[in-house]
Amino acid sequence: MGWMQSLRHRLWLPGLQLWAAGAASASCRCKAGFSELRRPASPREQRCSMAGSSQHASYKHLANGEGRKTVICIEGNIASGKTTCLDYFAKNTGIEVLTEPVSKWRNVHGHNPLGLMYQDATRWGMTLQTYVQLTMLDQHTKPMISPIRMMERSIHSAKYIFVENLYRSGKMPEVDYVILTEWFDWILKNMNVSVDLIVYLQTSPGMCYQRLKQRCREEEKVIPMEYLEAIHQLYEDWLIKQTLFKVPSPVLVMQADDDLQEMMEKYEENQDQILMLDNTQRRL
């Protein structure tokens, strides 16, 4: 069965793709007119349809204990549209939505480690990422108040993307990187930070840079285009090529260069799939 566990499946949809590791995710449902499910070892096609748009009532079967609790992480570059995605689901569904604890990163007893890191990553990178790892662990482990939790990023991307970028760019000494890795590995072995689905908002670095300049957040004023390109490449290597680190769940890829209205329409059209209301998508 070892070869079965190494299979990857890719579901093609207009603006959506589903990547999954392991045979358990072979079944799919999609709202598009057709779907193509590819297996590297044994290709075949499946056609199926997806339930219509969900309202709060769609989650009653989960609230009544008919399904297990689900954790969905929205991943993507800086200014890739994660806040827009989270806002949509917070306003239009009954799920629990957790944004990144940025306010904590900006104010630790009067200190702003996020701002300090952007000003001097070599000096403050370890300081910020230690606190990010702690606060993201808190996000993962706090009691769930809804059958479905949607999180902005995860403890996995904190390590695999942002710590990795600091190390590769020469701004984090190897000793700092090794210590953070030891902590992260201990967390994976001893704490439940599992994820059921990653929704990757795949946005071009140029679009992220344009949005970043438009929103004018104080700490982000010093972020260069090269930084966004580096983060983008790490996300592509991790979630698309899957050559960087282990991917903790299936990955749903959404093209996210579109404007606000078009993205809202995508979220509405694919709401059930994003929220994994179709049980055949679960990794049981």
C-alpha atoms as a PDB file:
ATOM      1  CA  MET A   1       0.000   0.000   0.000  1.00  0.00           C
ATOM      2  CA  GLY A   2       3.024   2.340   0.166  1.00  0.00           C
ATOM      3  CA  TRP A   3       2.679   3.347  -3.483  1.00  0.00           C
ATOM      4  CA  MET A   4      -0.960   4.208  -2.940  1.00  0.00           C
ATOM      5  CA  GLN A   5      -0.055   6.682  -0.225  1.00  0.00           C
ATOM      6  CA  SER A   6       2.217   8.557  -2.594  1.00  0.00           C
ATOM      7  CA  LEU A   7      -0.451   9.267  -5.217  1.00  0.00           C
ATOM      8  CA  ARG A   8      -1.525  12.830  -5.850  1.00  0.00           C
ATOM      9  CA  HIS A   9      -4.866  13.767  -7.351  1.00  0.00           C
ATOM     10  CA  ARG A  10      -5.629  16.984  -9.167  1.00  0.00           C
ATOM     11  CA  LEU A  11      -9.152  18.204  -9.817  1.00  0.00           C
ATOM     12  CA  TRP A  12      -9.486  20.801 -12.552  1.00  0.00           C
ATOM     13  CA  LEU A  13     -12.204  23.429 -12.194  1.00  0.00           C
ATOM     14  CA  PRO A  14     -12.625  26.946 -13.584  1.00  0.00           C
ATOM     15  CA  GLY A  15     -10.308  28.842 -11.235  1.00  0.00           C
ATOM     16  CA  LEU A  16     -10.114  25.895  -8.845  1.00  0.00           C
ATOM     17  CA  GLN A  17      -7.843  22.882  -8.542  1.00  0.00           C
ATOM     18  CA  LEU A  18      -7.764  20.230  -5.846  1.00  0.00           C
ATOM     19  CA  TRP A  19      -4.509  18.530  -4.888  1.00  0.00           C
ATOM     20  CA  ALA A  20      -4.610  15.637  -2.448  1.00  0.00           C
ATOM     21  CA  ALA A  21      -2.065  13.191  -1.079  1.00  0.00           C
ATOM     22  CA  GLY A  22      -3.200   9.614  -0.626  1.00  0.00           C
ATOM     23  CA  ALA A  23      -5.930   7.465  -2.086  1.00  0.00           C
ATOM     24  CA  ALA A  24      -8.537   8.507   0.475  1.00  0.00           C
ATOM     25  CA  SER A  25      -9.324  11.684  -1.472  1.00  0.00           C
ATOM     26  CA  ALA A  26     -10.032   9.953  -4.785  1.00  0.00           C
ATOM     27  CA  SER A  27     -13.769  10.738  -4.810  1.00  0.00           C
ATOM     28  CA  CYS A  28     -14.849  14.268  -5.637  1.00  0.00           C
ATOM     29  CA  ARG A  29     -17.826  16.463  -6.208  1.00  0.00           C
ATOM     30  CA  CYS A  30     -17.677  19.687  -8.147  1.00  0.00           C
ATOM     31  CA  LYS A  31     -20.058  22.383  -9.251  1.00  0.00           C
ATOM     32  CA  ALA A  32     -18.400  22.813 -12.635  1.00  0.00           C
ATOM     33  CA  GLY A  33     -19.917  21.225 -15.717  1.00  0.00           C
ATOM     34  CA  PHE A  34     -17.163  18.587 -15.767  1.00  0.00           C
ATOM     35  CA  SER A  35     -14.324  17.328 -13.668  1.00  0.00           C
ATOM     36  CA  GLU A  36     -11.169  15.421 -14.507  1.00  0.00           C
ATOM     37  CA  LEU A  37      -9.517  13.401 -11.756  1.00  0.00           C
ATOM     38  CA  ARG A  38      -5.992  12.336 -12.661  1.00  0.00           C
ATOM     39  CA  ARG A  39      -3.964   9.592 -11.025  1.00  0.00           C
ATOM     40  CA  PRO A  40      -0.339   9.240 -12.147  1.00  0.00           C
ATOM     41  CA  ALA A  41      -0.482   5.416 -11.916  1.00  0.00           C
ATOM     42  CA  SER A  42      -4.028   4.691 -13.108  1.00  0.00           C
ATOM     43  CA  PRO A  43      -5.849   7.596 -14.841  1.00  0.00           C
ATOM     44  CA  ARG A  44      -9.593   7.708 -15.003  1.00  0.00           C
ATOM     45  CA  GLU A  45     -12.380  10.285 -15.065  1.00  0.00           C
ATOM     46  CA  GLN A  46     -15.295  10.849 -12.739  1.00  0.00           C
ATOM     47  CA  ARG A  47     -18.299  13.065 -13.259  1.00  0.00           C
ATOM     48  CA  CYS A  48     -20.486  14.265 -10.454  1.00  0.00           C
ATOM     49  CA  SER A  49     -22.404  17.284  -9.273  1.00  0.00           C
ATOM     50  CA  MET A  50     -22.262  19.423  -6.164  1.00  0.00           C
ATOM     51  CA  ALA A  51     -25.053  20.754  -3.986  1.00  0.00           C
ATOM     52  CA  GLY A  52     -26.117  24.365  -4.509  1.00  0.00           C
ATOM     53  CA  SER A  53     -25.146  27.437  -2.506  1.00  0.00           C
ATOM     54  CA  SER A  54     -25.134  26.953   1.266  1.00  0.00           C
ATOM     55  CA  GLN A  55     -26.772  29.047   3.964  1.00  0.00           C
ATOM     56  CA  HIS A  56     -26.413  28.691   7.733  1.00  0.00           C
ATOM     57  CA  ALA A  57     -28.821  25.733   7.663  1.00  0.00           C
ATOM     58  CA  SER A  58     -26.255  23.737   5.691  1.00  0.00           C
ATOM     59  CA  TYR A  59     -24.212  23.197   8.838  1.00  0.00           C
ATOM     60  CA  LYS A  60     -27.022  21.754  10.996  1.00  0.00           C
ATOM     61  CA  HIS A  61     -26.008  18.152  10.281  1.00  0.00           C
ATOM     62  CA  LEU A  62     -22.536  18.935  11.585  1.00  0.00           C
ATOM     63  CA  ALA A  63     -23.771  20.803  14.639  1.00  0.00           C
ATOM     64  CA  ASN A  64     -25.939  17.814  15.520  1.00  0.00           C
ATOM     65  CA  GLY A  65     -22.853  15.626  15.688  1.00  0.00           C
ATOM     66  CA  GLU A  66     -23.310  13.887  12.327  1.00  0.00           C
ATOM     67  CA  GLY A  67     -19.808  14.915  11.169  1.00  0.00           C
ATOM     68  CA  ARG A  68     -16.428  15.523  12.720  1.00  0.00           C
ATOM     69  CA  LYS A  69     -15.066  18.994  13.222  1.00  0.00           C
ATOM     70  CA  THR A  70     -13.134  20.467  10.321  1.00  0.00           C
ATOM     71  CA  VAL A  71     -10.197  22.882  10.163  1.00  0.00           C
ATOM     72  CA  ILE A  72      -9.638  24.827   6.937  1.00  0.00           C
ATOM     73  CA  CYS A  73      -6.611  27.105   6.467  1.00  0.00           C
ATOM     74  CA  ILE A  74      -6.547  29.956   3.970  1.00  0.00           C
ATOM     75  CA  GLU A  75      -2.993  30.277   2.679  1.00  0.00           C
ATOM     76  CA  GLY A  76      -1.347  32.769   0.364  1.00  0.00           C
ATOM     77  CA  ASN A  77       1.141  35.571  -0.064  1.00  0.00           C
ATOM     78  CA  ILE A  78       0.929  38.964   1.623  1.00  0.00           C
ATOM     79  CA  ALA A  79      -2.033  40.836   0.041  1.00  0.00           C
ATOM     80  CA  SER A  80      -3.254  37.716  -1.775  1.00  0.00           C
ATOM     81  CA  GLY A  81      -6.839  38.321  -0.632  1.00  0.00           C
ATOM     82  CA  LYS A  82      -7.029  36.237   2.548  1.00  0.00           C
ATOM     83  CA  THR A  83      -8.914  38.906   4.499  1.00  0.00           C
ATOM     84  CA  THR A  84     -11.513  39.212   1.739  1.00  0.00           C
ATOM     85  CA  CYS A  85     -12.009  35.447   1.783  1.00  0.00           C
ATOM     86  CA  LEU A  86     -12.351  35.302   5.566  1.00  0.00           C
ATOM     87  CA  ASP A  87     -14.745  38.261   5.589  1.00  0.00           C
ATOM     88  CA  TYR A  88     -17.001  36.528   3.060  1.00  0.00           C
ATOM     89  CA  PHE A  89     -17.302  33.350   5.115  1.00  0.00           C
ATOM     90  CA  ALA A  90     -17.653  35.240   8.396  1.00  0.00           C
ATOM     91  CA  LYS A  91     -20.599  37.205   7.008  1.00  0.00           C
ATOM     92  CA  ASN A  92     -22.314  34.505   4.964  1.00  0.00           C
ATOM     93  CA  THR A  93     -21.905  31.304   6.967  1.00  0.00           C
ATOM     94  CA  GLY A  94     -22.136  30.136  10.560  1.00  0.00           C
ATOM     95  CA  ILE A  95     -18.554  28.883  10.785  1.00  0.00           C
ATOM     96  CA  GLU A  96     -15.813  30.030  13.162  1.00  0.00           C
ATOM     97  CA  VAL A  97     -13.304  32.357  11.485  1.00  0.00           C
ATOM     98  CA  LEU A  98      -9.885  33.086  13.014  1.00  0.00           C
ATOM     99  CA  THR A  99      -7.743  35.836  11.512  1.00  0.00           C
ATOM    100  CA  GLU A 100      -3.991  35.971  12.027  1.00  0.00           C
ATOM    101  CA  PRO A 101      -3.223  37.465  15.469  1.00  0.00           C
ATOM    102  CA  VAL A 102      -1.469  40.453  13.873  1.00  0.00           C
ATOM    103  CA  SER A 103      -2.525  42.774  16.687  1.00  0.00           C
ATOM    104  CA  LYS A 104      -0.475  40.622  19.066  1.00  0.00           C
ATOM    105  CA  TRP A 105       2.533  40.724  16.755  1.00  0.00           C
ATOM    106  CA  ARG A 106       2.290  44.514  16.684  1.00  0.00           C
ATOM    107  CA  ASN A 107       2.037  44.991  20.433  1.00  0.00           C
ATOM    108  CA  VAL A 108       3.810  42.787  22.940  1.00  0.00           C
ATOM    109  CA  HIS A 109       3.712  44.895  26.099  1.00  0.00           C
ATOM    110  CA  GLY A 110       4.310  48.014  24.039  1.00  0.00           C
ATOM    111  CA  HIS A 111       6.822  46.489  21.601  1.00  0.00           C
ATOM    112  CA  ASN A 112       6.155  45.914  17.891  1.00  0.00           C
ATOM    113  CA  PRO A 113       8.151  42.830  16.808  1.00  0.00           C
ATOM    114  CA  LEU A 114       6.399  42.759  13.412  1.00  0.00           C
ATOM    115  CA  GLY A 115       7.528  46.278  12.590  1.00  0.00           C
ATOM    116  CA  LEU A 116      11.013  45.595  13.959  1.00  0.00           C
ATOM    117  CA  MET A 117      11.353  42.490  11.785  1.00  0.00           C
ATOM    118  CA  TYR A 118      10.504  44.390   8.600  1.00  0.00           C
ATOM    119  CA  GLN A 119      13.033  47.082   9.547  1.00  0.00           C
ATOM    120  CA  ASP A 120      15.855  44.657  10.413  1.00  0.00           C
ATOM    121  CA  ALA A 121      15.065  41.023   9.691  1.00  0.00           C
ATOM    122  CA  THR A 122      18.528  39.797  10.663  1.00  0.00           C
ATOM    123  CA  ARG A 123      18.194  41.212  14.182  1.00  0.00           C
ATOM    124  CA  TRP A 124      14.509  40.593  14.843  1.00  0.00           C
ATOM    125  CA  GLY A 125      13.521  37.632  12.642  1.00  0.00           C
ATOM    126  CA  MET A 126      14.016  35.032  15.375  1.00  0.00           C
ATOM    127  CA  THR A 127      12.193  37.209  17.904  1.00  0.00           C
ATOM    128  CA  LEU A 128       9.127  37.611  15.715  1.00  0.00           C
ATOM    129  CA  GLN A 129       8.978  34.021  14.472  1.00  0.00           C
ATOM    130  CA  THR A 130       9.257  32.618  17.990  1.00  0.00           C
ATOM    131  CA  TYR A 131       6.199  34.640  18.957  1.00  0.00           C
ATOM    132  CA  VAL A 132       4.390  33.816  15.714  1.00  0.00           C
ATOM    133  CA  GLN A 133       4.896  30.108  16.395  1.00  0.00           C
ATOM    134  CA  LEU A 134       3.501  30.522  19.906  1.00  0.00           C
ATOM    135  CA  THR A 135       0.454  32.536  18.852  1.00  0.00           C
ATOM    136  CA  MET A 136      -0.336  30.257  15.906  1.00  0.00           C
ATOM    137  CA  LEU A 137      -0.122  27.245  18.219  1.00  0.00           C
ATOM    138  CA  ASP A 138      -2.690  28.997  20.384  1.00  0.00           C
ATOM    139  CA  GLN A 139      -4.927  29.461  17.307  1.00  0.00           C
ATOM    140  CA  HIS A 140      -4.756  25.764  16.436  1.00  0.00           C
ATOM    141  CA  THR A 141      -5.359  24.441  19.944  1.00  0.00           C
ATOM    142  CA  LYS A 142      -8.065  26.713  21.341  1.00  0.00           C
ATOM    143  CA  PRO A 143     -11.451  24.987  21.738  1.00  0.00           C
ATOM    144  CA  MET A 144     -13.594  25.083  18.608  1.00  0.00           C
ATOM    145  CA  ILE A 145     -16.925  26.892  18.937  1.00  0.00           C
ATOM    146  CA  SER A 146     -18.287  25.676  15.592  1.00  0.00           C
ATOM    147  CA  PRO A 147     -18.156  22.407  13.624  1.00  0.00           C
ATOM    148  CA  ILE A 148     -16.046  24.216  11.005  1.00  0.00           C
ATOM    149  CA  ARG A 149     -13.093  26.487  11.749  1.00  0.00           C
ATOM    150  CA  MET A 150     -11.482  28.630   9.059  1.00  0.00           C
ATOM    151  CA  MET A 151      -8.038  30.024   9.896  1.00  0.00           C
ATOM    152  CA  GLU A 152      -5.913  32.655   8.231  1.00  0.00           C
ATOM    153  CA  ARG A 153      -2.673  30.812   7.490  1.00  0.00           C
ATOM    154  CA  SER A 154      -1.338  28.198   9.937  1.00  0.00           C
ATOM    155  CA  ILE A 155       1.561  27.173  12.117  1.00  0.00           C
ATOM    156  CA  HIS A 156       2.731  25.124   9.114  1.00  0.00           C
ATOM    157  CA  SER A 157       3.128  28.103   6.771  1.00  0.00           C
ATOM    158  CA  ALA A 158       4.702  30.154   9.557  1.00  0.00           C
ATOM    159  CA  LYS A 159       7.524  27.608   9.586  1.00  0.00           C
ATOM    160  CA  TYR A 160       7.614  26.347   6.002  1.00  0.00           C
ATOM    161  CA  ILE A 161       7.253  29.757   4.329  1.00  0.00           C
ATOM    162  CA  PHE A 162       8.314  32.644   6.545  1.00  0.00           C
ATOM    163  CA  VAL A 163      10.985  31.035   8.720  1.00  0.00           C
ATOM    164  CA  GLU A 164      12.293  29.250   5.632  1.00  0.00           C
ATOM    165  CA  ASN A 165      12.491  32.526   3.713  1.00  0.00           C
ATOM    166  CA  LEU A 166      14.463  34.207   6.501  1.00  0.00           C
ATOM    167  CA  TYR A 167      16.931  31.326   6.560  1.00  0.00           C
ATOM    168  CA  ARG A 168      17.336  31.007   2.790  1.00  0.00           C
ATOM    169  CA  SER A 169      17.833  34.752   2.362  1.00  0.00           C
ATOM    170  CA  GLY A 170      20.659  34.724   4.894  1.00  0.00           C
ATOM    171  CA  LYS A 171      18.769  36.843   7.417  1.00  0.00           C
ATOM    172  CA  MET A 172      18.404  34.066  10.005  1.00  0.00           C
ATOM    173  CA  PRO A 173      21.525  32.336  11.409  1.00  0.00           C
ATOM    174  CA  GLU A 174      21.557  28.560  11.215  1.00  0.00           C
ATOM    175  CA  VAL A 175      21.460  28.227  15.013  1.00  0.00           C
ATOM    176  CA  ASP A 176      18.198  30.225  15.155  1.00  0.00           C
ATOM    177  CA  TYR A 177      16.730  28.142  12.326  1.00  0.00           C
ATOM    178  CA  VAL A 178      17.674  24.869  14.008  1.00  0.00           C
ATOM    179  CA  ILE A 179      16.165  25.940  17.341  1.00  0.00           C
ATOM    180  CA  LEU A 180      12.879  27.004  15.716  1.00  0.00           C
ATOM    181  CA  THR A 181      12.823  23.722  13.799  1.00  0.00           C
ATOM    182  CA  GLU A 182      13.337  21.733  17.017  1.00  0.00           C
ATOM    183  CA  TRP A 183      10.405  23.569  18.597  1.00  0.00           C
ATOM    184  CA  PHE A 184       8.232  23.034  15.528  1.00  0.00           C
ATOM    185  CA  ASP A 185       9.023  19.310  15.325  1.00  0.00           C
ATOM    186  CA  TRP A 186       8.156  18.915  19.019  1.00  0.00           C
ATOM    187  CA  ILE A 187       4.816  20.650  18.416  1.00  0.00           C
ATOM    188  CA  LEU A 188       3.988  18.325  15.509  1.00  0.00           C
ATOM    189  CA  LYS A 189       4.716  15.260  17.639  1.00  0.00           C
ATOM    190  CA  ASN A 190       2.975  16.373  20.821  1.00  0.00           C
ATOM    191  CA  MET A 191       0.168  18.777  19.883  1.00  0.00           C
ATOM    192  CA  ASN A 192      -2.831  18.557  17.574  1.00  0.00           C
ATOM    193  CA  VAL A 193      -2.222  21.088  14.824  1.00  0.00           C
ATOM    194  CA  SER A 194      -3.874  19.018  12.100  1.00  0.00           C
ATOM    195  CA  VAL A 195      -5.558  20.611   9.083  1.00  0.00           C
ATOM    196  CA  ASP A 196      -8.319  19.107   6.918  1.00  0.00           C
ATOM    197  CA  LEU A 197      -8.010  21.391   3.894  1.00  0.00           C
ATOM    198  CA  ILE A 198      -5.691  24.145   2.689  1.00  0.00           C
ATOM    199  CA  VAL A 199      -7.243  26.736   0.376  1.00  0.00           C
ATOM    200  CA  TYR A 200      -4.347  28.333  -1.494  1.00  0.00           C
ATOM    201  CA  LEU A 201      -5.120  31.771  -2.934  1.00  0.00           C
ATOM    202  CA  GLN A 202      -2.674  31.706  -5.825  1.00  0.00           C
ATOM    203  CA  THR A 203      -1.911  35.356  -6.583  1.00  0.00           C
ATOM    204  CA  SER A 204       0.855  36.793  -8.741  1.00  0.00           C
ATOM    205  CA  PRO A 205       3.544  38.776  -6.867  1.00  0.00           C
ATOM    206  CA  GLY A 206       2.780  41.788  -9.069  1.00  0.00           C
ATOM    207  CA  MET A 207      -0.871  41.826  -8.013  1.00  0.00           C
ATOM    208  CA  CYS A 208       0.110  41.385  -4.354  1.00  0.00           C
ATOM    209  CA  TYR A 209       2.497  44.326  -4.633  1.00  0.00           C
ATOM    210  CA  GLN A 210      -0.210  46.484  -6.201  1.00  0.00           C
ATOM    211  CA  ARG A 211      -2.712  45.642  -3.451  1.00  0.00           C
ATOM    212  CA  LEU A 212      -0.089  46.101  -0.750  1.00  0.00           C
ATOM    213  CA  LYS A 213       0.598  49.662  -1.919  1.00  0.00           C
ATOM    214  CA  GLN A 214      -3.112  50.440  -2.056  1.00  0.00           C
ATOM    215  CA  ARG A 215      -3.867  49.365   1.513  1.00  0.00           C
ATOM    216  CA  CYS A 216      -0.887  51.276   3.007  1.00  0.00           C
ATOM    217  CA  ARG A 217      -0.333  49.312   6.221  1.00  0.00           C
ATOM    218  CA  GLU A 218       2.465  50.941   8.191  1.00  0.00           C
ATOM    219  CA  GLU A 219       4.702  47.885   8.627  1.00  0.00           C
ATOM    220  CA  GLU A 220       4.310  46.895   4.960  1.00  0.00           C
ATOM    221  CA  LYS A 221       5.604  50.145   3.458  1.00  0.00           C
ATOM    222  CA  VAL A 222       9.161  48.772   3.385  1.00  0.00           C
ATOM    223  CA  ILE A 223       8.303  45.419   1.737  1.00  0.00           C
ATOM    224  CA  PRO A 224      10.026  45.163  -1.670  1.00  0.00           C
ATOM    225  CA  MET A 225       8.751  43.283  -4.703  1.00  0.00           C
ATOM    226  CA  GLU A 226      11.603  40.775  -4.295  1.00  0.00           C
ATOM    227  CA  TYR A 227      10.244  39.711  -0.892  1.00  0.00           C
ATOM    228  CA  LEU A 228       6.812  38.949  -2.370  1.00  0.00           C
ATOM    229  CA  GLU A 229       8.434  36.992  -5.203  1.00  0.00           C
ATOM    230  CA  ALA A 230      10.408  34.897  -2.708  1.00  0.00           C
ATOM    231  CA  ILE A 231       7.309  34.146  -0.603  1.00  0.00           C
ATOM    232  CA  HIS A 232       5.363  33.257  -3.761  1.00  0.00           C
ATOM    233  CA  GLN A 233       8.016  30.804  -4.900  1.00  0.00           C
ATOM    234  CA  LEU A 234       8.093  29.084  -1.515  1.00  0.00           C
ATOM    235  CA  TYR A 235       4.298  28.695  -1.574  1.00  0.00           C
ATOM    236  CA  GLU A 236       4.481  27.245  -5.100  1.00  0.00           C
ATOM    237  CA  ASP A 237       7.196  24.781  -4.085  1.00  0.00           C
ATOM    238  CA  TRP A 238       5.284  23.745  -0.957  1.00  0.00           C
ATOM    239  CA  LEU A 239       1.678  23.522  -2.173  1.00  0.00           C
ATOM    240  CA  ILE A 240       1.857  23.112  -5.965  1.00  0.00           C
ATOM    241  CA  LYS A 241       5.083  21.237  -6.720  1.00  0.00           C
ATOM    242  CA  GLN A 242       5.008  19.717  -3.207  1.00  0.00           C
ATOM    243  CA  THR A 243       8.798  19.467  -3.158  1.00  0.00           C
ATOM    244  CA  LEU A 244       9.590  21.740  -0.192  1.00  0.00           C
ATOM    245  CA  PHE A 245       8.040  20.169   2.929  1.00  0.00           C
ATOM    246  CA  LYS A 246       5.267  17.733   3.740  1.00  0.00           C
ATOM    247  CA  VAL A 247       1.810  19.108   2.939  1.00  0.00           C
ATOM    248  CA  PRO A 248      -0.492  18.429   5.918  1.00  0.00           C
ATOM    249  CA  SER A 249      -3.773  18.166   3.966  1.00  0.00           C
ATOM    250  CA  PRO A 250      -5.370  18.263   0.520  1.00  0.00           C
ATOM    251  CA  VAL A 251      -4.920  21.611  -1.220  1.00  0.00           C
ATOM    252  CA  LEU A 252      -7.656  23.535  -3.040  1.00  0.00           C
ATOM    253  CA  VAL A 253      -6.064  26.104  -5.364  1.00  0.00           C
ATOM    254  CA  MET A 254      -7.982  29.261  -6.252  1.00  0.00           C
ATOM    255  CA  GLN A 255      -6.720  31.743  -8.815  1.00  0.00           C
ATOM    256  CA  ALA A 256      -6.955  35.012  -6.865  1.00  0.00           C
ATOM    257  CA  ASP A 257      -5.764  37.809  -9.168  1.00  0.00           C
ATOM    258  CA  ASP A 258      -9.390  38.792  -9.849  1.00  0.00           C
ATOM    259  CA  ASP A 259     -11.041  41.903  -8.437  1.00  0.00           C
ATOM    260  CA  LEU A 260     -13.155  41.954  -5.287  1.00  0.00           C
ATOM    261  CA  GLN A 261     -16.514  41.315  -6.961  1.00  0.00           C
ATOM    262  CA  GLU A 262     -15.213  38.397  -9.018  1.00  0.00           C
ATOM    263  CA  MET A 263     -13.623  36.805  -5.959  1.00  0.00           C
ATOM    264  CA  MET A 264     -16.878  37.123  -3.998  1.00  0.00           C
ATOM    265  CA  GLU A 265     -18.665  35.325  -6.826  1.00  0.00           C
ATOM    266  CA  LYS A 266     -16.061  32.549  -6.763  1.00  0.00           C
ATOM    267  CA  TYR A 267     -16.508  32.082  -3.010  1.00  0.00           C
ATOM    268  CA  GLU A 268     -20.287  31.910  -3.372  1.00  0.00           C
ATOM    269  CA  GLU A 269     -20.169  29.491  -6.299  1.00  0.00           C
ATOM    270  CA  ASN A 270     -17.712  27.126  -4.605  1.00  0.00           C
ATOM    271  CA  GLN A 271     -18.786  27.599  -0.986  1.00  0.00           C
ATOM    272  CA  ASP A 272     -19.753  23.981  -0.315  1.00  0.00           C
ATOM    273  CA  GLN A 273     -16.512  22.652  -1.751  1.00  0.00           C
ATOM    274  CA  ILE A 274     -14.385  25.094   0.247  1.00  0.00           C
ATOM    275  CA  LEU A 275     -16.217  24.189   3.449  1.00  0.00           C
ATOM    276  CA  MET A 276     -15.913  20.455   2.695  1.00  0.00           C
ATOM    277  CA  LEU A 277     -19.654  19.897   3.088  1.00  0.00           C
ATOM    278  CA  ASP A 278     -19.300  17.075   0.607  1.00  0.00           C
ATOM    279  CA  ASN A 279     -18.093  14.220   2.811  1.00  0.00           C
ATOM    280  CA  THR A 280     -16.366  12.449  -0.089  1.00  0.00           C
ATOM    281  CA  GLN A 281     -13.639  15.088  -0.018  1.00  0.00           C
ATOM    282  CA  ARG A 282     -12.675  14.362   3.575  1.00  0.00           C
ATOM    283  CA  ARG A 283      -9.515  12.437   4.425  1.00  0.00           C
ATOM    284  CA  LEU A 284     -11.014   9.847   6.743  1.00  0.00           C
END
